[in-house]
Every structure is written in C-alpha cells, then in structure tokens.
Protein backbone atom coordinates (compact mmCIF):
# COMPACT_ATOMS: atom_id res chain seq x y z
CA MET A 1 114.45 -89.19 -101.96
CA ASN A 2 114.73 -92.46 -104.00
CA SER A 3 115.20 -95.43 -101.52
CA GLU A 4 117.15 -97.34 -104.05
CA ASN A 5 120.77 -97.56 -102.94
CA LEU A 6 119.82 -95.36 -99.95
CA ILE A 7 121.67 -96.19 -96.71
CA LEU A 8 120.54 -94.99 -93.27
CA VAL A 9 123.47 -94.58 -90.80
CA ILE A 10 122.28 -94.52 -87.13
CA ASP A 11 125.35 -93.56 -85.09
CA ASP A 12 125.92 -90.98 -82.30
CA GLU A 13 129.56 -90.38 -83.19
CA ILE A 14 129.82 -87.42 -85.61
CA GLN A 15 133.19 -88.55 -86.85
CA ILE A 16 131.75 -92.01 -87.87
CA ARG A 17 128.76 -90.34 -89.44
CA ARG A 18 131.05 -88.10 -91.57
CA LEU A 19 133.44 -91.05 -92.49
CA LEU A 20 130.53 -93.15 -93.71
CA ASP A 21 128.80 -90.29 -95.51
CA ILE A 22 132.05 -89.60 -97.45
CA THR A 23 132.98 -93.32 -98.17
CA LEU A 24 129.35 -94.36 -99.05
CA SER A 25 128.80 -91.24 -101.28
CA ALA A 26 132.13 -91.94 -103.15
CA ASN A 27 130.71 -95.30 -103.95
CA HIS A 28 127.57 -94.12 -105.45
CA TYR A 29 125.21 -94.63 -102.41
CA SER A 30 122.92 -92.01 -101.07
CA VAL A 31 123.09 -91.47 -97.30
CA ILE A 32 121.00 -90.17 -94.60
CA VAL A 33 122.17 -89.99 -90.96
CA ALA A 34 120.53 -90.05 -87.52
CA ALA A 35 122.27 -89.36 -84.21
CA ASN A 36 120.16 -91.45 -81.83
CA GLY A 37 117.73 -94.34 -81.84
CA LYS A 38 114.49 -92.23 -82.07
CA GLU A 39 115.77 -90.29 -85.06
CA GLY A 40 116.88 -93.54 -86.64
CA LEU A 41 113.36 -95.17 -86.23
CA ILE A 42 111.70 -92.00 -87.68
CA SER A 43 114.12 -91.88 -90.64
CA ALA A 44 113.71 -95.53 -91.38
CA ALA A 45 109.98 -95.21 -91.53
CA THR A 46 110.08 -91.95 -93.47
CA HIS A 47 112.74 -92.53 -96.09
CA LYS A 48 112.48 -96.46 -96.37
CA PRO A 49 116.15 -96.99 -96.98
CA SER A 50 117.47 -100.12 -98.85
CA MET A 51 119.90 -100.76 -95.87
CA ILE A 52 120.54 -99.52 -92.30
CA LEU A 53 124.03 -99.30 -90.64
CA LEU A 54 123.37 -99.41 -86.92
CA ASP A 55 125.46 -98.60 -83.93
CA LEU A 56 124.68 -100.45 -80.59
CA GLY A 57 125.88 -97.66 -78.27
CA LEU A 58 123.24 -95.10 -78.84
CA PRO A 59 122.68 -92.16 -76.29
CA ASP A 60 118.84 -92.66 -75.83
CA GLU A 61 118.22 -96.25 -76.23
CA ASP A 62 120.30 -99.45 -76.66
CA GLY A 63 120.91 -100.43 -80.18
CA GLN A 64 119.78 -104.04 -79.61
CA SER A 65 116.43 -102.64 -78.54
CA ILE A 66 116.29 -100.44 -81.68
CA LEU A 67 117.16 -103.46 -83.80
CA LYS A 68 114.24 -105.45 -82.49
CA LYS A 69 111.88 -102.51 -83.08
CA LEU A 70 113.10 -102.10 -86.61
CA ARG A 71 112.57 -105.75 -87.29
CA GLU A 72 109.00 -105.56 -86.31
CA TRP A 73 108.38 -104.15 -89.83
CA TYR A 74 111.69 -103.43 -91.70
CA THR A 75 112.68 -106.46 -93.81
CA LEU A 76 115.75 -105.22 -95.57
CA PRO A 77 119.48 -105.56 -94.53
CA ILE A 78 120.68 -104.20 -91.24
CA ILE A 79 124.45 -104.27 -90.62
CA VAL A 80 125.59 -103.54 -86.99
CA LEU A 81 128.66 -101.32 -86.62
CA SER A 82 129.95 -101.41 -82.89
CA VAL A 83 132.79 -101.13 -80.58
CA ARG A 84 131.28 -104.15 -78.66
CA SER A 85 133.19 -107.26 -79.67
CA SER A 86 131.98 -109.99 -77.37
CA GLU A 87 130.62 -113.11 -78.82
CA GLU A 88 127.44 -112.42 -76.70
CA ASP A 89 126.88 -109.05 -78.14
CA ILE A 90 127.38 -110.42 -81.72
CA ILE A 91 125.17 -113.41 -81.42
CA THR A 92 122.38 -111.44 -79.75
CA ALA A 93 122.45 -108.88 -82.63
CA LEU A 94 122.33 -111.57 -85.22
CA ASP A 95 119.59 -113.41 -83.49
CA ASN A 96 117.73 -110.04 -83.11
CA GLY A 97 117.83 -109.76 -86.95
CA ALA A 98 121.10 -108.17 -87.98
CA MET A 99 122.35 -109.43 -91.26
CA ASP A 100 125.99 -108.80 -90.40
CA TYR A 101 128.14 -107.36 -87.57
CA LEU A 102 131.30 -105.41 -88.03
CA THR A 103 133.48 -104.39 -85.14
CA LYS A 104 134.90 -100.85 -84.84
CA PRO A 105 137.35 -99.74 -85.99
CA PHE A 106 136.64 -101.44 -89.42
CA ARG A 107 138.36 -101.04 -92.82
CA SER A 108 136.28 -99.27 -95.47
CA GLY A 109 137.01 -101.85 -97.99
CA GLU A 110 135.65 -104.64 -95.85
CA LEU A 111 132.46 -102.56 -94.98
CA LEU A 112 131.66 -101.99 -98.77
CA ALA A 113 132.21 -105.64 -99.41
CA ARG A 114 129.66 -106.53 -96.65
CA ILE A 115 127.25 -103.93 -98.04
CA ARG A 116 127.43 -105.33 -101.59
CA SER A 117 127.01 -108.82 -100.30
CA ALA A 118 123.95 -107.82 -98.20
CA MET A 119 122.48 -105.88 -101.21
CA ARG A 120 122.90 -109.09 -103.42
CA LEU A 121 121.25 -111.19 -100.92
CA ALA A 122 118.21 -108.90 -100.59
CA GLN A 123 117.94 -108.91 -104.39
CA ASN A 124 118.13 -112.61 -104.50
CA GLU A 125 115.32 -113.00 -102.09
CA ASN A 126 113.27 -110.56 -104.01
CA ALA A 127 113.94 -112.28 -107.25
CA GLN A 128 113.31 -115.77 -105.71
CA ASN A 129 115.91 -117.15 -108.11
CA PRO A 130 115.76 -120.99 -108.01
CA ILE A 131 119.38 -121.24 -109.23
CA LEU A 132 122.26 -119.70 -107.23
CA ASN A 133 125.50 -119.20 -109.10
CA PHE A 134 128.79 -118.59 -107.36
CA ASN A 135 131.71 -118.76 -109.79
CA SER A 136 132.37 -122.44 -110.39
CA LEU A 137 129.43 -123.47 -108.11
CA SER A 138 125.80 -123.69 -108.90
CA ILE A 139 122.84 -124.63 -106.53
CA ASP A 140 119.46 -125.48 -107.88
CA LEU A 141 117.22 -124.88 -105.03
CA THR A 142 114.17 -126.45 -106.95
CA GLY A 143 115.85 -129.49 -108.45
CA HIS A 144 118.08 -130.10 -105.43
CA VAL A 145 121.10 -130.33 -107.79
CA VAL A 146 124.57 -128.92 -107.04
CA LYS A 147 127.25 -128.55 -109.61
CA LYS A 148 130.84 -127.78 -109.41
CA ASN A 149 132.61 -126.84 -112.77
CA ASP A 150 129.48 -128.22 -114.44
CA GLU A 151 129.95 -131.57 -112.74
CA ILE A 152 127.12 -132.92 -110.41
CA VAL A 153 128.27 -132.99 -106.74
CA LYS A 154 126.45 -135.72 -104.76
CA LEU A 155 125.08 -134.43 -101.42
CA THR A 156 122.90 -136.12 -98.97
CA SER A 157 119.44 -134.55 -98.11
CA THR A 158 120.80 -132.97 -94.95
CA GLU A 159 123.93 -131.73 -96.65
CA PHE A 160 121.90 -130.03 -99.40
CA THR A 161 119.58 -128.37 -96.80
CA MET A 162 122.50 -126.95 -94.96
CA LEU A 163 124.24 -125.82 -98.09
CA ALA A 164 121.04 -124.28 -99.41
CA LEU A 165 120.51 -122.46 -96.05
CA LEU A 166 124.03 -121.02 -96.17
CA ALA A 167 124.01 -119.99 -99.71
CA LYS A 168 120.59 -118.31 -99.53
CA ASN A 169 122.11 -116.18 -96.74
CA GLU A 170 125.30 -115.40 -98.64
CA GLY A 171 127.56 -112.98 -96.71
CA LYS A 172 125.36 -113.21 -93.49
CA VAL A 173 126.92 -114.89 -90.34
CA LEU A 174 124.61 -117.73 -89.28
CA THR A 175 124.91 -118.75 -85.65
CA HIS A 176 125.46 -122.36 -84.61
CA GLN A 177 122.06 -122.38 -82.94
CA PHE A 178 120.20 -120.95 -85.95
CA ILE A 179 121.77 -123.68 -88.31
CA LEU A 180 120.96 -126.46 -85.97
CA LYS A 181 117.28 -125.22 -85.44
CA GLU A 182 116.78 -124.75 -89.23
CA VAL A 183 118.23 -128.03 -90.25
CA TRP A 184 117.42 -130.53 -87.33
CA GLY A 185 115.02 -128.69 -85.21
CA HIS A 186 114.85 -127.18 -81.71
CA GLY A 187 115.92 -130.51 -80.02
CA TYR A 188 119.31 -130.22 -81.56
CA LEU A 189 120.34 -126.72 -80.56
CA GLU A 190 123.31 -127.98 -78.25
CA GLN A 191 124.57 -130.53 -80.77
CA THR A 192 127.42 -128.47 -82.34
CA GLN A 193 129.26 -131.50 -83.10
CA TYR A 194 126.73 -132.39 -85.71
CA LEU A 195 127.41 -129.11 -87.34
CA ARG A 196 131.26 -129.60 -87.45
CA VAL A 197 130.88 -133.03 -88.95
CA PHE A 198 128.53 -131.86 -91.71
CA ILE A 199 130.46 -128.66 -92.40
CA ALA A 200 133.60 -130.85 -92.89
CA GLN A 201 131.78 -133.10 -95.22
CA LEU A 202 130.55 -130.27 -97.32
CA ARG A 203 133.99 -128.63 -97.55
CA LYS A 204 135.57 -131.98 -98.79
CA LYS A 205 132.96 -132.04 -101.60
CA LEU A 206 132.78 -128.32 -102.50
CA GLU A 207 136.07 -126.65 -101.67
CA ASP A 208 139.29 -126.82 -103.75
CA ASP A 209 141.32 -126.95 -100.47
CA PRO A 210 139.04 -127.89 -97.67
CA ALA A 211 141.64 -126.76 -95.07
CA ASN A 212 141.55 -123.30 -96.52
CA PRO A 213 137.74 -122.88 -97.46
CA ALA A 214 136.71 -120.28 -99.92
CA TYR A 215 132.89 -120.81 -99.78
CA ILE A 216 132.11 -121.92 -96.25
CA LEU A 217 133.95 -119.77 -93.73
CA THR A 218 134.19 -120.16 -90.00
CA GLU A 219 133.26 -117.14 -87.71
CA SER A 220 135.00 -118.37 -84.61
CA GLY A 221 132.91 -119.19 -81.61
CA ILE A 222 129.75 -117.85 -83.58
CA GLY A 223 128.91 -119.70 -86.61
CA TYR A 224 129.43 -119.82 -90.38
CA ARG A 225 129.30 -117.61 -93.35
CA PHE A 226 128.87 -118.45 -96.99
CA ALA A 227 131.02 -116.36 -99.25
CA SER A 228 130.97 -115.94 -102.93
CA GLN A 229 134.64 -115.84 -103.34
C-alpha cells in the first residue's frame, strides 16, 4: 500500500473507525484502522502512514504511552482525537509529540482542515523552504525579512524568532512553556506575561484587526496556533 496520503486510525470505537474511514476515503485519503495500541504500533511500523489519528482511551494501553512510543521513531504528524478535554491532557499530549488535538465529538470539516494543515506543515519541513507564504504575509526565514502586502514589516529579533517558530509550526498548537523555552530558554518557563506582551506586539504589526486575529490564534489556557487564514 502506498504510504502517500495514507492515514492510520488508532481507535477502539468501531463507530468512530467507520466514520473516519468513510469521511477520509471520500476526501481521497487511504485509510487503515487499528482497534488498540498494540495493533496501532504494528500498523504504523508496517505501513509507514503519512499521518496517524490517535485516540487516548485505548483498551490495552493508554494513548499517551502509545504516543511516546511512536515518537521514538515516527516523525510525521500525529493528531489526537479524544473525549478527554482537560487542559492537562491536551498539554501532555502536545508535549509528548502530538501535532494537534481535537476533542470528541468533532466536526468532520474541522478535522479535515486540521489534517490538511498538518500535511502542509510536514511537506514544508521536508522541502525546507526558506520563504513561507500565507496570503498577504511572507516570512523569509533566511533573510529575516517579513512582508505584508509586499511591504516590509519591522520586527525586533525576538519578535521574528517567535513569529518564525509559530509559522514553521502552522496549524499546530504550541504550548506557552514550549514557546518560552524555544525563544527565551528554560529559565523563563513561568514568564507567561512575556509571551502575552510579545504576542500583542506581533498582532499589532501583522493583523488587520489585532482584536480579532486571523494569523496568531489563542488556544485558551494552552498556548497559541498560527493559522494560514
């Protein structure tokens, strides 16, 4: 089976597996399914899918544990689909290597949008494109130049570093602690006020309406997500 556009679904609920199989197949994805963690690990290693949709409430082993085992070798997108909606569960999954997290029940349209975004991100990482384009916004990662509507936007070094981190992870929720660690270092993990100030500055410079941002979206209590509008 060709691994391109192949999605592995690891979920113990047969209704969810059937729903995802129908929805994804109708949108030109190939689908394989696994009903527990052991089957999922074997299928991932055997078929090398281009993406994994992972439930956390598996009958044989907790999904967080399966996620960590997958991340020992699997580098492509993993999206968690779970009834667990606590901030702790979501943050733990993201820190364990999930690219995204959707709470059940979810809308098929939203899932498909998240899948497309994750696929684009993986392709961008493989292509190592030094210039990222998002509608009217372009980010030159090599030249450290940001343009909006072909006009240069002046950013400080820290603002550019934060924007580049968000944009390179388009569609992925980045936790407060992850951004603080990547931009300022381990000593700043509790300085969430730093983050709010710099996010506000970026929005003033990049968004048409900073109060209703289209690019830098807030995931309440968790972190931020960069959207391509």
